[in-house]
Amino acid sequence: MEDDKRSKFEDTVIPYFNAIYNSAYRMTGERGNAEDLVQDVFLSAYKSFHQFIEGTNCKAWLYKILRNTFINRIKKEKREAGYLSFEEFDESIGLRLKAEGFSSSGFSSAFSLHPEINEGFDETIQKALNKLSEEFRMAIILCDIEGFSYQEISEVLECPVGTVRSRINRARRFLAEELKDLRA
């Protein structure tokens, strides 16, 4: 039964690893924080995988976990001083899942963790994104970088579609002002 859960998890969730990592990086603006956030997201996803309804939008489900995990970190204002490298992450997540009753044998070979940050995403743009509040940053990432519909963003952010539209509009105006010198 546990092997079935692991296999379904790997087939369903792991294909979204790079997308989640890229968004975590865009949200945090720092590689170490993104790696730590992604580790927590995938551990949380594994723990709650029994709640995932097969046939629904897995990507949106993962982004909801990402959003909630990110917000909880901000609320707690706890930023760890040391972050795991992805080599350490691979070992660490296996140990943490094993503590949860998951046999980690074969976990590393089931999927390899090689995050790929979107090529060409300029540091200047990331700095501008970092200046946005979490609500606006998450909305613009989900819309303009990840390609979610307003309805999907509404579900992930747990707010009305009108609020999503407003956040995206305000974020775009802010970013346009911040990045106006790049257009010249």
Protein backbone atom coordinates (compact mmCIF):
# COMPACT_ATOMS: atom_id res chain seq x y z
CA MET A 1 0.00 0.00 0.00
CA GLU A 2 2.82 2.42 0.88
CA ASP A 3 4.55 1.51 -2.39
CA ASP A 4 1.34 2.38 -4.25
CA LYS A 5 1.19 5.75 -2.49
CA ARG A 6 4.81 6.47 -3.31
CA SER A 7 4.39 5.44 -6.93
CA LYS A 8 1.23 7.54 -7.39
CA PHE A 9 2.92 10.48 -5.65
CA GLU A 10 5.96 10.23 -7.90
CA ASP A 11 3.86 9.93 -11.06
CA THR A 12 1.43 12.70 -10.13
CA VAL A 13 3.39 15.28 -8.15
CA ILE A 14 7.08 15.06 -9.03
CA PRO A 15 6.63 16.27 -12.64
CA TYR A 16 5.82 19.71 -11.17
CA PHE A 17 9.06 19.94 -9.20
CA ASN A 18 10.80 22.47 -11.47
CA ALA A 19 7.71 24.68 -11.76
CA ILE A 20 7.31 24.74 -7.97
CA TYR A 21 11.01 25.42 -7.50
CA ASN A 22 10.97 28.28 -10.01
CA SER A 23 7.99 29.87 -8.30
CA ALA A 24 9.50 29.38 -4.85
CA TYR A 25 12.63 31.12 -6.12
CA ARG A 26 10.56 33.97 -7.55
CA MET A 27 8.66 34.27 -4.26
CA THR A 28 11.68 34.23 -1.97
CA GLY A 29 14.25 35.79 -4.29
CA GLU A 30 16.97 33.59 -2.83
CA ARG A 31 18.10 30.11 -3.80
CA GLY A 32 18.59 28.79 -0.26
CA ASN A 33 15.16 29.98 0.89
CA ALA A 34 13.58 28.51 -2.23
CA GLU A 35 15.23 25.14 -1.68
CA ASP A 36 14.05 25.07 1.92
CA LEU A 37 10.53 26.11 0.91
CA VAL A 38 10.34 23.44 -1.82
CA GLN A 39 11.49 20.78 0.62
CA ASP A 40 8.64 21.69 2.97
CA VAL A 41 6.12 21.85 0.12
CA PHE A 42 6.91 18.37 -1.17
CA LEU A 43 7.02 16.88 2.30
CA SER A 44 3.65 18.45 3.06
CA ALA A 45 2.29 17.24 -0.28
CA TYR A 46 3.41 13.71 0.49
CA LYS A 47 1.89 13.78 3.97
CA SER A 48 -1.43 15.07 2.63
CA PHE A 49 -1.43 13.16 -0.65
CA HIS A 50 -4.35 11.07 0.60
CA GLN A 51 -6.43 14.29 0.39
CA PHE A 52 -5.56 14.91 -3.26
CA ILE A 53 -8.48 14.02 -5.51
CA GLU A 54 -7.29 12.16 -8.57
CA GLY A 55 -8.29 13.89 -11.79
CA THR A 56 -8.19 17.39 -10.28
CA ASN A 57 -5.56 20.02 -11.02
CA CYS A 58 -2.44 18.76 -9.24
CA LYS A 59 -0.44 21.85 -10.18
CA ALA A 60 -3.01 24.13 -8.53
CA TRP A 61 -3.06 21.87 -5.45
CA LEU A 62 0.74 22.12 -5.17
CA TYR A 63 0.66 25.89 -5.59
CA LYS A 64 -1.88 26.14 -2.81
CA ILE A 65 0.50 24.18 -0.57
CA LEU A 66 3.36 26.44 -1.74
CA ARG A 67 1.35 29.57 -0.95
CA ASN A 68 0.29 28.36 2.49
CA THR A 69 3.78 27.18 3.38
CA PHE A 70 5.28 30.50 2.24
CA ILE A 71 2.75 32.56 4.20
CA ASN A 72 3.25 30.44 7.32
CA ARG A 73 6.99 31.06 7.10
CA ILE A 74 6.47 34.80 6.86
CA LYS A 75 4.03 34.82 9.76
CA LYS A 76 6.45 32.90 11.96
CA GLU A 77 9.33 35.14 10.80
CA LYS A 78 11.66 32.23 11.16
CA ARG A 79 14.34 32.09 8.54
CA GLU A 80 16.83 29.35 9.17
CA ALA A 81 20.45 30.38 8.94
CA GLY A 82 21.58 27.27 7.04
CA TYR A 83 19.82 25.78 4.06
CA LEU A 84 20.18 22.36 2.58
CA SER A 85 21.87 21.92 -0.73
CA PHE A 86 19.93 19.76 -3.13
CA GLU A 87 22.27 16.86 -2.41
CA GLU A 88 21.50 17.22 1.29
CA PHE A 89 17.82 17.74 0.44
CA ASP A 90 17.64 14.41 -1.35
CA GLU A 91 19.04 12.63 1.71
CA SER A 92 17.08 14.74 4.20
CA ILE A 93 13.70 14.27 2.60
CA GLY A 94 14.28 10.52 2.52
CA LEU A 95 15.03 10.57 6.26
CA ARG A 96 12.04 12.80 7.05
CA LEU A 97 9.70 10.65 4.97
CA LYS A 98 11.08 7.53 6.63
CA ALA A 99 10.25 9.07 10.00
CA GLU A 100 6.70 9.45 8.67
CA GLY A 101 6.57 5.73 7.88
CA PHE A 102 7.70 6.02 4.26
CA SER A 103 10.40 3.65 3.14
CA SER A 104 13.04 5.85 1.57
CA SER A 105 14.73 3.05 -0.34
CA GLY A 106 14.64 3.95 -3.97
CA PHE A 107 13.26 7.42 -3.28
CA SER A 108 16.32 9.17 -4.66
CA SER A 109 16.38 7.11 -7.80
CA ALA A 110 12.65 7.55 -8.38
CA PHE A 111 13.17 11.18 -9.30
CA SER A 112 16.24 13.29 -9.53
CA LEU A 113 16.11 16.77 -8.13
CA HIS A 114 17.67 19.17 -10.56
CA PRO A 115 15.99 22.53 -10.23
CA GLU A 116 16.09 24.67 -13.31
CA ILE A 117 15.58 28.36 -12.89
CA ASN A 118 13.92 29.97 -15.89
CA GLU A 119 16.73 31.02 -18.18
CA GLY A 120 16.94 34.71 -18.94
CA PHE A 121 15.02 35.82 -15.87
CA ASP A 122 17.00 38.92 -15.10
CA GLU A 123 18.18 39.76 -11.60
CA THR A 124 16.67 43.24 -12.00
CA ILE A 125 13.24 41.71 -12.57
CA GLN A 126 13.66 39.46 -9.53
CA LYS A 127 14.59 42.46 -7.38
CA ALA A 128 11.46 44.25 -8.58
CA LEU A 129 9.36 41.17 -7.78
CA ASN A 130 10.89 41.09 -4.30
CA LYS A 131 9.56 44.60 -3.65
CA LEU A 132 5.97 43.43 -4.12
CA SER A 133 3.95 42.27 -1.12
CA GLU A 134 3.41 38.51 -0.93
CA GLU A 135 -0.19 38.75 -2.20
CA PHE A 136 0.78 40.72 -5.30
CA ARG A 137 3.96 38.71 -5.94
CA MET A 138 2.12 35.39 -5.79
CA ALA A 139 -0.68 36.62 -8.09
CA ILE A 140 1.72 37.93 -10.74
CA ILE A 141 3.89 34.79 -10.59
CA LEU A 142 0.89 32.52 -11.01
CA CYS A 143 -0.53 34.60 -13.87
CA ASP A 144 2.37 35.92 -15.89
CA ILE A 145 5.05 33.34 -15.20
CA GLU A 146 3.11 30.12 -14.60
CA GLY A 147 0.15 30.84 -16.87
CA PHE A 148 -2.68 30.07 -14.45
CA SER A 149 -6.15 31.40 -15.30
CA TYR A 150 -7.74 34.00 -13.02
CA GLN A 151 -10.12 31.31 -11.75
CA GLU A 152 -7.24 28.96 -10.90
CA ILE A 153 -5.37 31.78 -9.16
CA SER A 154 -8.54 32.58 -7.22
CA GLU A 155 -8.65 28.99 -5.97
CA VAL A 156 -4.95 28.89 -5.08
CA LEU A 157 -4.99 32.26 -3.29
CA GLU A 158 -8.42 31.63 -1.77
CA CYS A 159 -9.82 35.00 -2.81
CA PRO A 160 -12.42 36.23 -5.32
CA VAL A 161 -11.54 36.53 -9.01
CA GLY A 162 -12.05 40.31 -8.78
CA THR A 163 -9.36 40.49 -6.09
CA VAL A 164 -7.03 38.44 -8.31
CA ARG A 165 -7.59 40.83 -11.22
CA SER A 166 -6.95 43.82 -8.98
CA ARG A 167 -3.74 42.34 -7.54
CA ILE A 168 -2.41 41.45 -10.97
CA ASN A 169 -3.25 44.88 -12.36
CA ARG A 170 -1.60 46.68 -9.44
CA ALA A 171 1.44 44.38 -9.57
CA ARG A 172 1.86 44.96 -13.30
CA ARG A 173 1.67 48.74 -12.85
CA PHE A 174 4.21 48.59 -10.02
CA LEU A 175 6.58 46.38 -12.05
CA ALA A 176 6.20 48.60 -15.12
CA GLU A 177 7.24 51.61 -13.04
CA GLU A 178 10.12 49.72 -11.41
CA LEU A 179 11.38 48.41 -14.74
CA LYS A 180 10.73 51.45 -16.94
CA ASP A 181 14.47 52.03 -17.43
CA LEU A 182 14.80 48.61 -19.08
CA ARG A 183 12.47 49.65 -21.89
CA ALA A 184 14.76 52.46 -23.04
